[in-house]
Amino acid sequence: MTTISQTAGQSASRKSPAGFFGVLAGWVNGIVTYFAHREAVKTLSELDDRALRDIGVERSQIESAVRGMIDPMYGRMM
């Protein structure tokens, strides 16, 4: 006796909208993340050098710190 899989008869178009919305959600997430990072860089750039030193970041490390590439314990690149 032959067994037929249920997924063999389904059309590929049922997966397309989910794929589209997944790509769209990833795209929107990327844009939101970009603007959040830009705002964080702007905020940190407005601090004076002493305030930055207090949180363990040098002015040249602001971009890396926002992206999470600075070890918070030592203020060094990871």
PDB file of N, CA and C in Angstrom:
ATOM      1  N   MET A   1       0.839  -1.170   0.000  1.00  0.00           N
ATOM      2  CA  MET A   1       0.000   0.000   0.000  1.00  0.00           C
ATOM      3  C   MET A   1       0.890   1.240   0.000  1.00  0.00           C
ATOM      4  N   THR A   2       0.518   2.257  -0.734  1.00  0.00           N
ATOM      5  CA  THR A   2       1.298   3.477  -0.872  1.00  0.00           C
ATOM      6  C   THR A   2       0.760   4.553   0.055  1.00  0.00           C
ATOM      7  N   THR A   3       1.654   5.241   0.737  1.00  0.00           N
ATOM      8  CA  THR A   3       1.267   6.340   1.615  1.00  0.00           C
ATOM      9  C   THR A   3       1.645   7.652   0.945  1.00  0.00           C
ATOM     10  N   ILE A   4       0.710   8.572   0.911  1.00  0.00           N
ATOM     11  CA  ILE A   4       0.972   9.881   0.299  1.00  0.00           C
ATOM     12  C   ILE A   4       1.084  10.918   1.411  1.00  0.00           C
ATOM     13  N   SER A   5       2.158  11.684   1.358  1.00  0.00           N
ATOM     14  CA  SER A   5       2.371  12.728   2.352  1.00  0.00           C
ATOM     15  C   SER A   5       1.376  13.861   2.131  1.00  0.00           C
ATOM     16  N   GLN A   6       0.911  14.459   3.202  1.00  0.00           N
ATOM     17  CA  GLN A   6      -0.030  15.572   3.090  1.00  0.00           C
ATOM     18  C   GLN A   6       0.632  16.809   2.491  1.00  0.00           C
ATOM     19  N   THR A   7       1.910  17.008   2.749  1.00  0.00           N
ATOM     20  CA  THR A   7       2.583  18.201   2.250  1.00  0.00           C
ATOM     21  C   THR A   7       2.875  18.117   0.756  1.00  0.00           C
ATOM     22  N   ALA A   8       2.828  16.933   0.182  1.00  0.00           N
ATOM     23  CA  ALA A   8       3.128  16.787  -1.245  1.00  0.00           C
ATOM     24  C   ALA A   8       2.078  17.468  -2.104  1.00  0.00           C
ATOM     25  N   GLY A   9       0.843  17.536  -1.647  1.00  0.00           N
ATOM     26  CA  GLY A   9      -0.234  18.130  -2.424  1.00  0.00           C
ATOM     27  C   GLY A   9      -0.426  19.615  -2.193  1.00  0.00           C
ATOM     28  N   GLN A  10       0.294  20.198  -1.241  1.00  0.00           N
ATOM     29  CA  GLN A  10       0.125  21.615  -0.954  1.00  0.00           C
ATOM     30  C   GLN A  10       0.922  22.449  -1.936  1.00  0.00           C
ATOM     31  N   SER A  11       0.345  23.568  -2.304  1.00  0.00           N
ATOM     32  CA  SER A  11       1.042  24.446  -3.243  1.00  0.00           C
ATOM     33  C   SER A  11       2.098  25.273  -2.516  1.00  0.00           C
ATOM     34  N   ALA A  12       3.094  25.707  -3.267  1.00  0.00           N
ATOM     35  CA  ALA A  12       4.183  26.500  -2.698  1.00  0.00           C
ATOM     36  C   ALA A  12       3.733  27.919  -2.369  1.00  0.00           C
ATOM     37  N   SER A  13       2.624  28.358  -2.948  1.00  0.00           N
ATOM     38  CA  SER A  13       2.173  29.736  -2.726  1.00  0.00           C
ATOM     39  C   SER A  13       1.738  29.983  -1.286  1.00  0.00           C
ATOM     40  N   ARG A  14       1.411  28.935  -0.536  1.00  0.00           N
ATOM     41  CA  ARG A  14       1.008  29.120   0.857  1.00  0.00           C
ATOM     42  C   ARG A  14       2.188  29.582   1.706  1.00  0.00           C
ATOM     43  N   LYS A  15       3.405  29.256   1.313  1.00  0.00           N
ATOM     44  CA  LYS A  15       4.585  29.640   2.075  1.00  0.00           C
ATOM     45  C   LYS A  15       5.070  31.030   1.679  1.00  0.00           C
ATOM     46  N   SER A  16       4.722  31.519   0.520  1.00  0.00           N
ATOM     47  CA  SER A  16       5.215  32.802   0.027  1.00  0.00           C
ATOM     48  C   SER A  16       4.830  33.984   0.916  1.00  0.00           C
ATOM     49  N   PRO A  17       3.559  34.137   1.323  1.00  0.00           N
ATOM     50  CA  PRO A  17       3.229  35.286   2.168  1.00  0.00           C
ATOM     51  C   PRO A  17       3.986  35.281   3.495  1.00  0.00           C
ATOM     52  N   ALA A  18       4.160  34.111   4.095  1.00  0.00           N
ATOM     53  CA  ALA A  18       4.898  34.053   5.355  1.00  0.00           C
ATOM     54  C   ALA A  18       6.340  34.474   5.125  1.00  0.00           C
ATOM     55  N   GLY A  19       6.913  34.056   4.013  1.00  0.00           N
ATOM     56  CA  GLY A  19       8.276  34.443   3.670  1.00  0.00           C
ATOM     57  C   GLY A  19       8.382  35.936   3.438  1.00  0.00           C
ATOM     58  N   PHE A  20       7.400  36.489   2.736  1.00  0.00           N
ATOM     59  CA  PHE A  20       7.385  37.932   2.475  1.00  0.00           C
ATOM     60  C   PHE A  20       7.300  38.715   3.776  1.00  0.00           C
ATOM     61  N   PHE A  21       6.390  38.309   4.662  1.00  0.00           N
ATOM     62  CA  PHE A  21       6.232  39.030   5.926  1.00  0.00           C
ATOM     63  C   PHE A  21       7.445  38.845   6.830  1.00  0.00           C
ATOM     64  N   GLY A  22       8.095  37.708   6.723  1.00  0.00           N
ATOM     65  CA  GLY A  22       9.324  37.504   7.476  1.00  0.00           C
ATOM     66  C   GLY A  22      10.424  38.433   7.006  1.00  0.00           C
ATOM     67  N   VAL A  23      10.547  38.587   5.687  1.00  0.00           N
ATOM     68  CA  VAL A  23      11.538  39.509   5.124  1.00  0.00           C
ATOM     69  C   VAL A  23      11.181  40.945   5.505  1.00  0.00           C
ATOM     70  N   LEU A  24       9.903  41.279   5.403  1.00  0.00           N
ATOM     71  CA  LEU A  24       9.452  42.626   5.761  1.00  0.00           C
ATOM     72  C   LEU A  24       9.721  42.921   7.238  1.00  0.00           C
ATOM     73  N   ALA A  25       9.451  41.960   8.108  1.00  0.00           N
ATOM     74  CA  ALA A  25       9.701  42.154   9.540  1.00  0.00           C
ATOM     75  C   ALA A  25      11.192  42.330   9.810  1.00  0.00           C
ATOM     76  N   GLY A  26      12.028  41.562   9.131  1.00  0.00           N
ATOM     77  CA  GLY A  26      13.473  41.715   9.289  1.00  0.00           C
ATOM     78  C   GLY A  26      13.950  43.075   8.824  1.00  0.00           C
ATOM     79  N   TRP A  27      13.391  43.550   7.735  1.00  0.00           N
ATOM     80  CA  TRP A  27      13.737  44.854   7.189  1.00  0.00           C
ATOM     81  C   TRP A  27      13.335  45.975   8.152  1.00  0.00           C
ATOM     82  N   VAL A  28      12.103  45.906   8.665  1.00  0.00           N
ATOM     83  CA  VAL A  28      11.622  46.914   9.623  1.00  0.00           C
ATOM     84  C   VAL A  28      12.460  46.867  10.897  1.00  0.00           C
ATOM     85  N   ASN A  29      12.783  45.678  11.373  1.00  0.00           N
ATOM     86  CA  ASN A  29      13.616  45.536  12.562  1.00  0.00           C
ATOM     87  C   ASN A  29      14.991  46.173  12.341  1.00  0.00           C
ATOM     88  N   GLY A  30      15.548  45.981  11.162  1.00  0.00           N
ATOM     89  CA  GLY A  30      16.839  46.577  10.842  1.00  0.00           C
ATOM     90  C   GLY A  30      16.797  48.095  10.851  1.00  0.00           C
ATOM     91  N   ILE A  31      15.731  48.661  10.318  1.00  0.00           N
ATOM     92  CA  ILE A  31      15.584  50.122  10.301  1.00  0.00           C
ATOM     93  C   ILE A  31      15.425  50.665  11.711  1.00  0.00           C
ATOM     94  N   VAL A  32      14.599  50.015  12.511  1.00  0.00           N
ATOM     95  CA  VAL A  32      14.390  50.462  13.899  1.00  0.00           C
ATOM     96  C   VAL A  32      15.694  50.375  14.687  1.00  0.00           C
ATOM     97  N   THR A  33      16.432  49.290  14.505  1.00  0.00           N
ATOM     98  CA  THR A  33      17.718  49.123  15.182  1.00  0.00           C
ATOM     99  C   THR A  33      18.700  50.203  14.752  1.00  0.00           C
ATOM    100  N   TYR A  34      18.734  50.513  13.461  1.00  0.00           N
ATOM    101  CA  TYR A  34      19.627  51.553  12.949  1.00  0.00           C
ATOM    102  C   TYR A  34      19.345  52.897  13.633  1.00  0.00           C
ATOM    103  N   PHE A  35      18.082  53.281  13.676  1.00  0.00           N
ATOM    104  CA  PHE A  35      17.742  54.573  14.286  1.00  0.00           C
ATOM    105  C   PHE A  35      17.983  54.576  15.798  1.00  0.00           C
ATOM    106  N   ALA A  36      17.785  53.451  16.457  1.00  0.00           N
ATOM    107  CA  ALA A  36      18.076  53.364  17.890  1.00  0.00           C
ATOM    108  C   ALA A  36      19.572  53.529  18.134  1.00  0.00           C
ATOM    109  N   HIS A  37      20.391  52.912  17.288  1.00  0.00           N
ATOM    110  CA  HIS A  37      21.848  53.064  17.420  1.00  0.00           C
ATOM    111  C   HIS A  37      22.273  54.496  17.148  1.00  0.00           C
ATOM    112  N   ARG A  38      21.693  55.121  16.138  1.00  0.00           N
ATOM    113  CA  ARG A  38      22.027  56.515  15.820  1.00  0.00           C
ATOM    114  C   ARG A  38      21.697  57.425  17.004  1.00  0.00           C
ATOM    115  N   GLU A  39      20.557  57.183  17.635  1.00  0.00           N
ATOM    116  CA  GLU A  39      20.156  58.001  18.789  1.00  0.00           C
ATOM    117  C   GLU A  39      21.101  57.791  19.969  1.00  0.00           C
ATOM    118  N   ALA A  40      21.521  56.544  20.184  1.00  0.00           N
ATOM    119  CA  ALA A  40      22.458  56.256  21.273  1.00  0.00           C
ATOM    120  C   ALA A  40      23.812  56.912  21.020  1.00  0.00           C
ATOM    121  N   VAL A  41      24.279  56.869  19.774  1.00  0.00           N
ATOM    122  CA  VAL A  41      25.549  57.518  19.431  1.00  0.00           C
ATOM    123  C   VAL A  41      25.433  59.020  19.648  1.00  0.00           C
ATOM    124  N   LYS A  42      24.328  59.599  19.237  1.00  0.00           N
ATOM    125  CA  LYS A  42      24.110  61.045  19.409  1.00  0.00           C
ATOM    126  C   LYS A  42      24.119  61.414  20.892  1.00  0.00           C
ATOM    127  N   THR A  43      23.432  60.633  21.711  1.00  0.00           N
ATOM    128  CA  THR A  43      23.365  60.905  23.144  1.00  0.00           C
ATOM    129  C   THR A  43      24.740  60.800  23.793  1.00  0.00           C
ATOM    130  N   LEU A  44      25.472  59.743  23.468  1.00  0.00           N
ATOM    131  CA  LEU A  44      26.812  59.582  24.046  1.00  0.00           C
ATOM    132  C   LEU A  44      27.772  60.654  23.546  1.00  0.00           C
ATOM    133  N   SER A  45      27.626  61.077  22.313  1.00  0.00           N
ATOM    134  CA  SER A  45      28.502  62.109  21.766  1.00  0.00           C
ATOM    135  C   SER A  45      28.300  63.457  22.452  1.00  0.00           C
ATOM    136  N   GLU A  46      27.132  63.671  23.013  1.00  0.00           N
ATOM    137  CA  GLU A  46      26.842  64.928  23.707  1.00  0.00           C
ATOM    138  C   GLU A  46      27.471  64.984  25.103  1.00  0.00           C
ATOM    139  N   LEU A  47      27.894  63.832  25.635  1.00  0.00           N
ATOM    140  CA  LEU A  47      28.520  63.805  26.959  1.00  0.00           C
ATOM    141  C   LEU A  47      29.940  64.370  26.879  1.00  0.00           C
ATOM    142  N   ASP A  48      30.391  64.937  27.981  1.00  0.00           N
ATOM    143  CA  ASP A  48      31.781  65.409  28.012  1.00  0.00           C
ATOM    144  C   ASP A  48      32.719  64.225  28.290  1.00  0.00           C
ATOM    145  N   ASP A  49      34.016  64.466  28.124  1.00  0.00           N
ATOM    146  CA  ASP A  49      34.994  63.381  28.258  1.00  0.00           C
ATOM    147  C   ASP A  49      34.999  62.762  29.653  1.00  0.00           C
ATOM    148  N   ARG A  50      34.748  63.566  30.666  1.00  0.00           N
ATOM    149  CA  ARG A  50      34.740  63.030  32.033  1.00  0.00           C
ATOM    150  C   ARG A  50      33.572  62.063  32.233  1.00  0.00           C
ATOM    151  N   ALA A  51      32.402  62.419  31.730  1.00  0.00           N
ATOM    152  CA  ALA A  51      31.236  61.542  31.860  1.00  0.00           C
ATOM    153  C   ALA A  51      31.463  60.236  31.086  1.00  0.00           C
ATOM    154  N   LEU A  52      32.059  60.347  29.909  1.00  0.00           N
ATOM    155  CA  LEU A  52      32.363  59.134  29.141  1.00  0.00           C
ATOM    156  C   LEU A  52      33.360  58.256  29.883  1.00  0.00           C
ATOM    157  N   ARG A  53      34.372  58.885  30.493  1.00  0.00           N
ATOM    158  CA  ARG A  53      35.372  58.130  31.251  1.00  0.00           C
ATOM    159  C   ARG A  53      34.717  57.426  32.437  1.00  0.00           C
ATOM    160  N   ASP A  54      33.732  58.081  33.053  1.00  0.00           N
ATOM    161  CA  ASP A  54      33.023  57.469  34.182  1.00  0.00           C
ATOM    162  C   ASP A  54      32.299  56.181  33.790  1.00  0.00           C
ATOM    163  N   ILE A  55      31.811  56.122  32.576  1.00  0.00           N
ATOM    164  CA  ILE A  55      31.122  54.900  32.139  1.00  0.00           C
ATOM    165  C   ILE A  55      32.065  53.951  31.404  1.00  0.00           C
ATOM    166  N   GLY A  56      33.345  54.324  31.313  1.00  0.00           N
ATOM    167  CA  GLY A  56      34.354  53.429  30.767  1.00  0.00           C
ATOM    168  C   GLY A  56      34.462  53.422  29.257  1.00  0.00           C
ATOM    169  N   VAL A  57      34.094  54.543  28.620  1.00  0.00           N
ATOM    170  CA  VAL A  57      34.139  54.623  27.168  1.00  0.00           C
ATOM    171  C   VAL A  57      34.923  55.864  26.769  1.00  0.00           C
ATOM    172  N   GLU A  58      35.824  55.700  25.820  1.00  0.00           N
ATOM    173  CA  GLU A  58      36.520  56.848  25.259  1.00  0.00           C
ATOM    174  C   GLU A  58      35.716  57.358  24.068  1.00  0.00           C
ATOM    175  N   ARG A  59      35.915  58.607  23.726  1.00  0.00           N
ATOM    176  CA  ARG A  59      35.152  59.201  22.631  1.00  0.00           C
ATOM    177  C   ARG A  59      35.311  58.400  21.330  1.00  0.00           C
ATOM    178  N   SER A  60      36.489  57.882  21.090  1.00  0.00           N
ATOM    179  CA  SER A  60      36.733  57.112  19.865  1.00  0.00           C
ATOM    180  C   SER A  60      36.060  55.736  19.886  1.00  0.00           C
ATOM    181  N   GLN A  61      35.532  55.324  21.024  1.00  0.00           N
ATOM    182  CA  GLN A  61      34.909  54.003  21.166  1.00  0.00           C
ATOM    183  C   GLN A  61      33.381  54.052  21.183  1.00  0.00           C
ATOM    184  N   ILE A  62      32.804  55.220  20.974  1.00  0.00           N
ATOM    185  CA  ILE A  62      31.351  55.362  21.094  1.00  0.00           C
ATOM    186  C   ILE A  62      30.619  54.421  20.140  1.00  0.00           C
ATOM    187  N   GLU A  63      30.989  54.420  18.867  1.00  0.00           N
ATOM    188  CA  GLU A  63      30.318  53.553  17.887  1.00  0.00           C
ATOM    189  C   GLU A  63      30.414  52.080  18.294  1.00  0.00           C
ATOM    190  N   SER A  64      31.590  51.660  18.706  1.00  0.00           N
ATOM    191  CA  SER A  64      31.789  50.261  19.105  1.00  0.00           C
ATOM    192  C   SER A  64      31.002  49.933  20.365  1.00  0.00           C
ATOM    193  N   ALA A  65      30.942  50.872  21.296  1.00  0.00           N
ATOM    194  CA  ALA A  65      30.202  50.632  22.536  1.00  0.00           C
ATOM    195  C   ALA A  65      28.707  50.470  22.259  1.00  0.00           C
ATOM    196  N   VAL A  66      28.181  51.266  21.359  1.00  0.00           N
ATOM    197  CA  VAL A  66      26.762  51.174  21.019  1.00  0.00           C
ATOM    198  C   VAL A  66      26.457  49.831  20.360  1.00  0.00           C
ATOM    199  N   ARG A  67      27.361  49.334  19.564  1.00  0.00           N
ATOM    200  CA  ARG A  67      27.158  48.047  18.896  1.00  0.00           C
ATOM    201  C   ARG A  67      27.447  46.863  19.806  1.00  0.00           C
ATOM    202  N   GLY A  68      27.921  47.116  21.027  1.00  0.00           N
ATOM    203  CA  GLY A  68      28.183  46.037  21.969  1.00  0.00           C
ATOM    204  C   GLY A  68      29.520  45.371  21.772  1.00  0.00           C
ATOM    205  N   MET A  69      30.456  46.068  21.151  1.00  0.00           N
ATOM    206  CA  MET A  69      31.763  45.474  20.865  1.00  0.00           C
ATOM    207  C   MET A  69      32.815  45.872  21.897  1.00  0.00           C
ATOM    208  N   ILE A  70      32.409  46.530  22.963  1.00  0.00           N
ATOM    209  CA  ILE A  70      33.319  46.934  24.030  1.00  0.00           C
ATOM    210  C   ILE A  70      33.012  46.093  25.262  1.00  0.00           C
ATOM    211  N   ASP A  71      34.033  45.529  25.877  1.00  0.00           N
ATOM    212  CA  ASP A  71      33.855  44.765  27.111  1.00  0.00           C
ATOM    213  C   ASP A  71      33.581  45.763  28.233  1.00  0.00           C
ATOM    214  N   PRO A  72      32.393  45.726  28.833  1.00  0.00           N
ATOM    215  CA  PRO A  72      32.052  46.726  29.855  1.00  0.00           C
ATOM    216  C   PRO A  72      32.931  46.657  31.104  1.00  0.00           C
ATOM    217  N   MET A  73      33.549  45.515  31.367  1.00  0.00           N
ATOM    218  CA  MET A  73      34.406  45.393  32.552  1.00  0.00           C
ATOM    219  C   MET A  73      35.736  46.119  32.373  1.00  0.00           C
ATOM    220  N   TYR A  74      36.247  46.132  31.145  1.00  0.00           N
ATOM    221  CA  TYR A  74      37.582  46.665  30.933  1.00  0.00           C
ATOM    222  C   TYR A  74      37.642  47.798  29.919  1.00  0.00           C
ATOM    223  N   GLY A  75      36.543  48.098  29.251  1.00  0.00           N
ATOM    224  CA  GLY A  75      36.531  49.164  28.263  1.00  0.00           C
ATOM    225  C   GLY A  75      37.390  48.843  27.048  1.00  0.00           C
ATOM    226  N   ARG A  76      37.566  47.561  26.766  1.00  0.00           N
ATOM    227  CA  ARG A  76      38.385  47.150  25.622  1.00  0.00           C
ATOM    228  C   ARG A  76      37.511  46.491  24.566  1.00  0.00           C
ATOM    229  N   MET A  77      38.012  46.488  23.356  1.00  0.00           N
ATOM    230  CA  MET A  77      37.324  45.830  22.258  1.00  0.00           C
ATOM    231  C   MET A  77      37.286  44.327  22.502  1.00  0.00           C
ATOM    232  N   MET A  78      36.185  43.696  22.175  1.00  0.00           N
ATOM    233  CA  MET A  78      36.077  42.245  22.332  1.00  0.00           C
ATOM    234  C   MET A  78      36.419  41.554  21.043  1.00  0.00           C
TER     235      MET A  78
END
